[in-house]
PDB file of N, CA and C in Angstrom:
ATOM      1  N   MET A   1      10.816  -7.976 -14.952  1.00  0.00           N
ATOM      2  CA  MET A   1      11.084  -6.621 -14.533  1.00  0.00           C
ATOM      3  C   MET A   1      10.020  -6.134 -13.549  1.00  0.00           C
ATOM      4  N   ARG A   2       8.761  -6.451 -13.850  1.00  0.00           N
ATOM      5  CA  ARG A   2       7.670  -6.032 -12.971  1.00  0.00           C
ATOM      6  C   ARG A   2       7.802  -6.690 -11.601  1.00  0.00           C
ATOM      7  N   GLY A   3       8.207  -7.946 -11.581  1.00  0.00           N
ATOM      8  CA  GLY A   3       8.401  -8.656 -10.320  1.00  0.00           C
ATOM      9  C   GLY A   3       9.516  -8.050  -9.487  1.00  0.00           C
ATOM     10  N   LEU A   4      10.581  -7.634 -10.167  1.00  0.00           N
ATOM     11  CA  LEU A   4      11.693  -6.991  -9.468  1.00  0.00           C
ATOM     12  C   LEU A   4      11.254  -5.671  -8.846  1.00  0.00           C
ATOM     13  N   LYS A   5      10.469  -4.888  -9.570  1.00  0.00           N
ATOM     14  CA  LYS A   5       9.962  -3.619  -9.033  1.00  0.00           C
ATOM     15  C   LYS A   5       9.065  -3.873  -7.829  1.00  0.00           C
ATOM     16  N   LEU A   6       8.249  -4.907  -7.899  1.00  0.00           N
ATOM     17  CA  LEU A   6       7.373  -5.240  -6.781  1.00  0.00           C
ATOM     18  C   LEU A   6       8.189  -5.626  -5.549  1.00  0.00           C
ATOM     19  N   ILE A   7       9.201  -6.447  -5.740  1.00  0.00           N
ATOM     20  CA  ILE A   7      10.049  -6.870  -4.624  1.00  0.00           C
ATOM     21  C   ILE A   7      10.777  -5.680  -4.021  1.00  0.00           C
ATOM     22  N   LEU A   8      11.307  -4.793  -4.862  1.00  0.00           N
ATOM     23  CA  LEU A   8      11.990  -3.603  -4.364  1.00  0.00           C
ATOM     24  C   LEU A   8      11.025  -2.677  -3.636  1.00  0.00           C
ATOM     25  N   GLY A   9       9.822  -2.542  -4.160  1.00  0.00           N
ATOM     26  CA  GLY A   9       8.820  -1.702  -3.517  1.00  0.00           C
ATOM     27  C   GLY A   9       8.416  -2.235  -2.159  1.00  0.00           C
ATOM     28  N   VAL A  10       8.207  -3.539  -2.078  1.00  0.00           N
ATOM     29  CA  VAL A  10       7.841  -4.157  -0.802  1.00  0.00           C
ATOM     30  C   VAL A  10       8.997  -4.033   0.189  1.00  0.00           C
ATOM     31  N   SER A  11      10.210  -4.228  -0.286  1.00  0.00           N
ATOM     32  CA  SER A  11      11.381  -4.099   0.586  1.00  0.00           C
ATOM     33  C   SER A  11      11.513  -2.674   1.119  1.00  0.00           C
ATOM     34  N   ALA A  12      11.304  -1.701   0.257  1.00  0.00           N
ATOM     35  CA  ALA A  12      11.383  -0.301   0.689  1.00  0.00           C
ATOM     36  C   ALA A  12      10.274   0.012   1.687  1.00  0.00           C
ATOM     37  N   THR A  13       9.094  -0.511   1.438  1.00  0.00           N
ATOM     38  CA  THR A  13       7.972  -0.295   2.356  1.00  0.00           C
ATOM     39  C   THR A  13       8.271  -0.912   3.708  1.00  0.00           C
ATOM     40  N   LEU A  14       8.808  -2.107   3.706  1.00  0.00           N
ATOM     41  CA  LEU A  14       9.149  -2.757   4.970  1.00  0.00           C
ATOM     42  C   LEU A  14      10.229  -1.986   5.710  1.00  0.00           C
ATOM     43  N   GLY A  15      11.207  -1.489   4.968  1.00  0.00           N
ATOM     44  CA  GLY A  15      12.277  -0.705   5.584  1.00  0.00           C
ATOM     45  C   GLY A  15      11.756   0.567   6.212  1.00  0.00           C
ATOM     46  N   MET A  16      10.866   1.263   5.525  1.00  0.00           N
ATOM     47  CA  MET A  16      10.295   2.494   6.065  1.00  0.00           C
ATOM     48  C   MET A  16       9.350   2.191   7.227  1.00  0.00           C
ATOM     49  N   ALA A  17       8.624   1.094   7.124  1.00  0.00           N
ATOM     50  CA  ALA A  17       7.671   0.744   8.178  1.00  0.00           C
ATOM     51  C   ALA A  17       8.396   0.385   9.473  1.00  0.00           C
ATOM     52  N   ALA A  18       9.583  -0.151   9.371  1.00  0.00           N
ATOM     53  CA  ALA A  18      10.332  -0.535  10.566  1.00  0.00           C
ATOM     54  C   ALA A  18      10.749   0.673  11.394  1.00  0.00           C
ATOM     55  N   CYS A  19      10.769   1.841  10.787  1.00  0.00           N
ATOM     56  CA  CYS A  19      11.194   3.058  11.485  1.00  0.00           C
ATOM     57  C   CYS A  19      10.063   3.723  12.257  1.00  0.00           C
ATOM     58  N   SER A  20       8.843   3.288  12.084  1.00  0.00           N
ATOM     59  CA  SER A  20       7.729   3.952  12.735  1.00  0.00           C
ATOM     60  C   SER A  20       7.099   3.059  13.799  1.00  0.00           C
ATOM     61  N   ALA A  21       6.433   3.682  14.741  1.00  0.00           N
ATOM     62  CA  ALA A  21       5.813   2.944  15.844  1.00  0.00           C
ATOM     63  C   ALA A  21       4.554   2.213  15.396  1.00  0.00           C
ATOM     64  N   ASP A  22       3.938   2.656  14.333  1.00  0.00           N
ATOM     65  CA  ASP A  22       2.701   2.036  13.867  1.00  0.00           C
ATOM     66  C   ASP A  22       2.934   1.058  12.712  1.00  0.00           C
ATOM     67  N   TRP A  23       4.105   0.456  12.679  1.00  0.00           N
ATOM     68  CA  TRP A  23       4.469  -0.389  11.547  1.00  0.00           C
ATOM     69  C   TRP A  23       3.532  -1.577  11.320  1.00  0.00           C
ATOM     70  N   PRO A  24       2.950  -2.229  12.343  1.00  0.00           N
ATOM     71  CA  PRO A  24       2.049  -3.341  12.012  1.00  0.00           C
ATOM     72  C   PRO A  24       0.803  -2.886  11.245  1.00  0.00           C
ATOM     73  N   GLN A  25       0.222  -1.751  11.658  1.00  0.00           N
ATOM     74  CA  GLN A  25      -0.949  -1.244  10.957  1.00  0.00           C
ATOM     75  C   GLN A  25      -0.584  -0.792   9.545  1.00  0.00           C
ATOM     76  N   ARG A  26       0.555  -0.130   9.431  1.00  0.00           N
ATOM     77  CA  ARG A  26       1.015   0.361   8.128  1.00  0.00           C
ATOM     78  C   ARG A  26       1.273  -0.822   7.186  1.00  0.00           C
ATOM     79  N   LEU A  27       1.904  -1.847   7.686  1.00  0.00           N
ATOM     80  CA  LEU A  27       2.212  -3.028   6.880  1.00  0.00           C
ATOM     81  C   LEU A  27       0.926  -3.722   6.433  1.00  0.00           C
ATOM     82  N   GLY A  28      -0.017  -3.860   7.349  1.00  0.00           N
ATOM     83  CA  GLY A  28      -1.293  -4.472   6.998  1.00  0.00           C
ATOM     84  C   GLY A  28      -2.040  -3.672   5.952  1.00  0.00           C
ATOM     85  N   TYR A  29      -2.049  -2.357   6.110  1.00  0.00           N
ATOM     86  CA  TYR A  29      -2.717  -1.481   5.151  1.00  0.00           C
ATOM     87  C   TYR A  29      -2.117  -1.652   3.756  1.00  0.00           C
ATOM     88  N   HIS A  30      -0.789  -1.625   3.677  1.00  0.00           N
ATOM     89  CA  HIS A  30      -0.133  -1.760   2.378  1.00  0.00           C
ATOM     90  C   HIS A  30      -0.357  -3.149   1.778  1.00  0.00           C
ATOM     91  N   ALA A  31      -0.412  -4.162   2.607  1.00  0.00           N
ATOM     92  CA  ALA A  31      -0.655  -5.517   2.098  1.00  0.00           C
ATOM     93  C   ALA A  31      -2.035  -5.609   1.450  1.00  0.00           C
ATOM     94  N   VAL A  32      -3.034  -5.030   2.114  1.00  0.00           N
ATOM     95  CA  VAL A  32      -4.395  -5.045   1.562  1.00  0.00           C
ATOM     96  C   VAL A  32      -4.462  -4.211   0.286  1.00  0.00           C
ATOM     97  N   GLN A  33      -3.832  -3.047   0.284  1.00  0.00           N
ATOM     98  CA  GLN A  33      -3.832  -2.187  -0.900  1.00  0.00           C
ATOM     99  C   GLN A  33      -3.131  -2.863  -2.079  1.00  0.00           C
ATOM    100  N   ASN A  34      -1.998  -3.499  -1.821  1.00  0.00           N
ATOM    101  CA  ASN A  34      -1.268  -4.179  -2.893  1.00  0.00           C
ATOM    102  C   ASN A  34      -2.050  -5.358  -3.440  1.00  0.00           C
ATOM    103  N   ALA A  35      -2.739  -6.091  -2.575  1.00  0.00           N
ATOM    104  CA  ALA A  35      -3.547  -7.217  -3.034  1.00  0.00           C
ATOM    105  C   ALA A  35      -4.669  -6.728  -3.943  1.00  0.00           C
ATOM    106  N   GLY A  36      -5.306  -5.634  -3.563  1.00  0.00           N
ATOM    107  CA  GLY A  36      -6.366  -5.069  -4.398  1.00  0.00           C
ATOM    108  C   GLY A  36      -5.838  -4.603  -5.744  1.00  0.00           C
ATOM    109  N   GLN A  37      -4.671  -3.992  -5.741  1.00  0.00           N
ATOM    110  CA  GLN A  37      -4.067  -3.520  -6.991  1.00  0.00           C
ATOM    111  C   GLN A  37      -3.721  -4.700  -7.893  1.00  0.00           C
ATOM    112  N   LEU A  38      -3.183  -5.770  -7.327  1.00  0.00           N
ATOM    113  CA  LEU A  38      -2.846  -6.948  -8.125  1.00  0.00           C
ATOM    114  C   LEU A  38      -4.089  -7.598  -8.728  1.00  0.00           C
ATOM    115  N   GLN A  39      -5.177  -7.644  -7.958  1.00  0.00           N
ATOM    116  CA  GLN A  39      -6.425  -8.210  -8.484  1.00  0.00           C
ATOM    117  C   GLN A  39      -6.946  -7.373  -9.642  1.00  0.00           C
ATOM    118  N   CYS A  40      -6.854  -6.073  -9.510  1.00  0.00           N
ATOM    119  CA  CYS A  40      -7.301  -5.186 -10.577  1.00  0.00           C
ATOM    120  C   CYS A  40      -6.456  -5.394 -11.832  1.00  0.00           C
ATOM    121  N   GLN A  41      -5.156  -5.516 -11.662  1.00  0.00           N
ATOM    122  CA  GLN A  41      -4.278  -5.711 -12.807  1.00  0.00           C
ATOM    123  C   GLN A  41      -4.501  -7.071 -13.455  1.00  0.00           C
ATOM    124  N   LYS A  42      -4.765  -8.102 -12.647  1.00  0.00           N
ATOM    125  CA  LYS A  42      -5.031  -9.431 -13.203  1.00  0.00           C
ATOM    126  C   LYS A  42      -6.307  -9.431 -14.024  1.00  0.00           C
ATOM    127  N   ALA A  43      -7.283  -8.601 -13.626  1.00  0.00           N
ATOM    128  CA  ALA A  43      -8.538  -8.502 -14.366  1.00  0.00           C
ATOM    129  C   ALA A  43      -8.365  -7.673 -15.639  1.00  0.00           C
ATOM    130  N   MET A  44      -7.162  -7.114 -15.829  1.00  0.00           N
ATOM    131  CA  MET A  44      -6.821  -6.293 -16.993  1.00  0.00           C
ATOM    132  C   MET A  44      -7.786  -5.129 -17.145  1.00  0.00           C
ATOM    133  N   SER A  45      -8.119  -4.538 -16.038  1.00  0.00           N
ATOM    134  CA  SER A  45      -9.010  -3.388 -16.038  1.00  0.00           C
ATOM    135  C   SER A  45      -8.225  -2.123 -16.371  1.00  0.00           C
ATOM    136  N   ASN A  46      -8.847  -1.260 -17.138  1.00  0.00           N
ATOM    137  CA  ASN A  46      -8.197  -0.002 -17.507  1.00  0.00           C
ATOM    138  C   ASN A  46      -8.426   1.090 -16.475  1.00  0.00           C
ATOM    139  N   ASP A  47      -9.292   0.829 -15.509  1.00  0.00           N
ATOM    140  CA  ASP A  47      -9.624   1.879 -14.545  1.00  0.00           C
ATOM    141  C   ASP A  47      -9.188   1.514 -13.124  1.00  0.00           C
ATOM    142  N   CYS A  48      -8.024   0.905 -12.985  1.00  0.00           N
ATOM    143  CA  CYS A  48      -7.490   0.611 -11.663  1.00  0.00           C
ATOM    144  C   CYS A  48      -7.180   1.934 -10.975  1.00  0.00           C
ATOM    145  N   GLU A  49      -7.842   2.170  -9.868  1.00  0.00           N
ATOM    146  CA  GLU A  49      -7.666   3.460  -9.198  1.00  0.00           C
ATOM    147  C   GLU A  49      -6.352   3.522  -8.446  1.00  0.00           C
ATOM    148  N   ARG A  50      -5.879   4.722  -8.306  1.00  0.00           N
ATOM    149  CA  ARG A  50      -4.647   4.972  -7.553  1.00  0.00           C
ATOM    150  C   ARG A  50      -4.977   4.862  -6.073  1.00  0.00           C
ATOM    151  N   ARG A  51      -4.220   4.068  -5.366  1.00  0.00           N
ATOM    152  CA  ARG A  51      -4.457   3.862  -3.939  1.00  0.00           C
ATOM    153  C   ARG A  51      -3.850   4.989  -3.135  1.00  0.00           C
ATOM    154  N   GLN A  52      -4.550   5.424  -2.101  1.00  0.00           N
ATOM    155  CA  GLN A  52      -4.001   6.479  -1.265  1.00  0.00           C
ATOM    156  C   GLN A  52      -2.978   5.910  -0.296  1.00  0.00           C
ATOM    157  N   SER A  53      -2.072   6.747   0.113  1.00  0.00           N
ATOM    158  CA  SER A  53      -1.017   6.324   1.024  1.00  0.00           C
ATOM    159  C   SER A  53      -1.595   6.101   2.418  1.00  0.00           C
ATOM    160  N   TYR A  54      -0.852   5.406   3.238  1.00  0.00           N
ATOM    161  CA  TYR A  54      -1.282   5.158   4.614  1.00  0.00           C
ATOM    162  C   TYR A  54      -1.414   6.466   5.386  1.00  0.00           C
ATOM    163  N   ASP A  55      -0.488   7.382   5.152  1.00  0.00           N
ATOM    164  CA  ASP A  55      -0.544   8.668   5.849  1.00  0.00           C
ATOM    165  C   ASP A  55      -1.800   9.455   5.474  1.00  0.00           C
ATOM    166  N   ALA A  56      -2.152   9.458   4.197  1.00  0.00           N
ATOM    167  CA  ALA A  56      -3.374  10.135   3.757  1.00  0.00           C
ATOM    168  C   ALA A  56      -4.598   9.450   4.365  1.00  0.00           C
ATOM    169  N   TYR A  57      -4.574   8.142   4.424  1.00  0.00           N
ATOM    170  CA  TYR A  57      -5.660   7.373   5.031  1.00  0.00           C
ATOM    171  C   TYR A  57      -5.823   7.744   6.510  1.00  0.00           C
ATOM    172  N   GLN A  58      -4.709   7.847   7.237  1.00  0.00           N
ATOM    173  CA  GLN A  58      -4.749   8.199   8.653  1.00  0.00           C
ATOM    174  C   GLN A  58      -5.275   9.626   8.855  1.00  0.00           C
ATOM    175  N   ARG A  59      -4.834  10.556   8.013  1.00  0.00           N
ATOM    176  CA  ARG A  59      -5.327  11.940   8.111  1.00  0.00           C
ATOM    177  C   ARG A  59      -6.827  11.997   7.882  1.00  0.00           C
ATOM    178  N   GLU A  60      -7.314  11.240   6.903  1.00  0.00           N
ATOM    179  CA  GLU A  60      -8.741  11.203   6.603  1.00  0.00           C
ATOM    180  C   GLU A  60      -9.530  10.620   7.781  1.00  0.00           C
ATOM    181  N   ARG A  61      -8.997   9.583   8.380  1.00  0.00           N
ATOM    182  CA  ARG A  61      -9.671   8.973   9.532  1.00  0.00           C
ATOM    183  C   ARG A  61      -9.733   9.938  10.713  1.00  0.00           C
ATOM    184  N   GLU A  62      -8.639  10.668  10.949  1.00  0.00           N
ATOM    185  CA  GLU A  62      -8.604  11.614  12.054  1.00  0.00           C
ATOM    186  C   GLU A  62      -9.578  12.766  11.834  1.00  0.00           C
ATOM    187  N   GLN A  63      -9.781  13.181  10.601  1.00  0.00           N
ATOM    188  CA  GLN A  63     -10.719  14.258  10.302  1.00  0.00           C
ATOM    189  C   GLN A  63     -12.167  13.816  10.524  1.00  0.00           C
ATOM    190  N   LEU A  64     -12.432  12.536  10.316  1.00  0.00           N
ATOM    191  CA  LEU A  64     -13.791  12.023  10.480  1.00  0.00           C
ATOM    192  C   LEU A  64     -14.170  11.857  11.959  1.00  0.00           C
ATOM    193  N   GLN A  65     -13.189  11.797  12.828  1.00  0.00           N
ATOM    194  CA  GLN A  65     -13.491  11.583  14.245  1.00  0.00           C
ATOM    195  C   GLN A  65     -13.844  12.844  14.949  1.00  0.00           C
TER     196      GLN A  65
END
């Protein structure tokens, strides 16, 4: 069941990313975030932090500039 949710989530992310002009950066960001989340879950850590969305990440970067 967890694998099915992951596949559906990745498919939805790819579908949404295809609609935007910055899809390569968005896809890369999500790939890195998902890899980090999977590593945290494999370590069976109870404090896996919630990852911020790509849009929130971009807003934060723009504010720092």
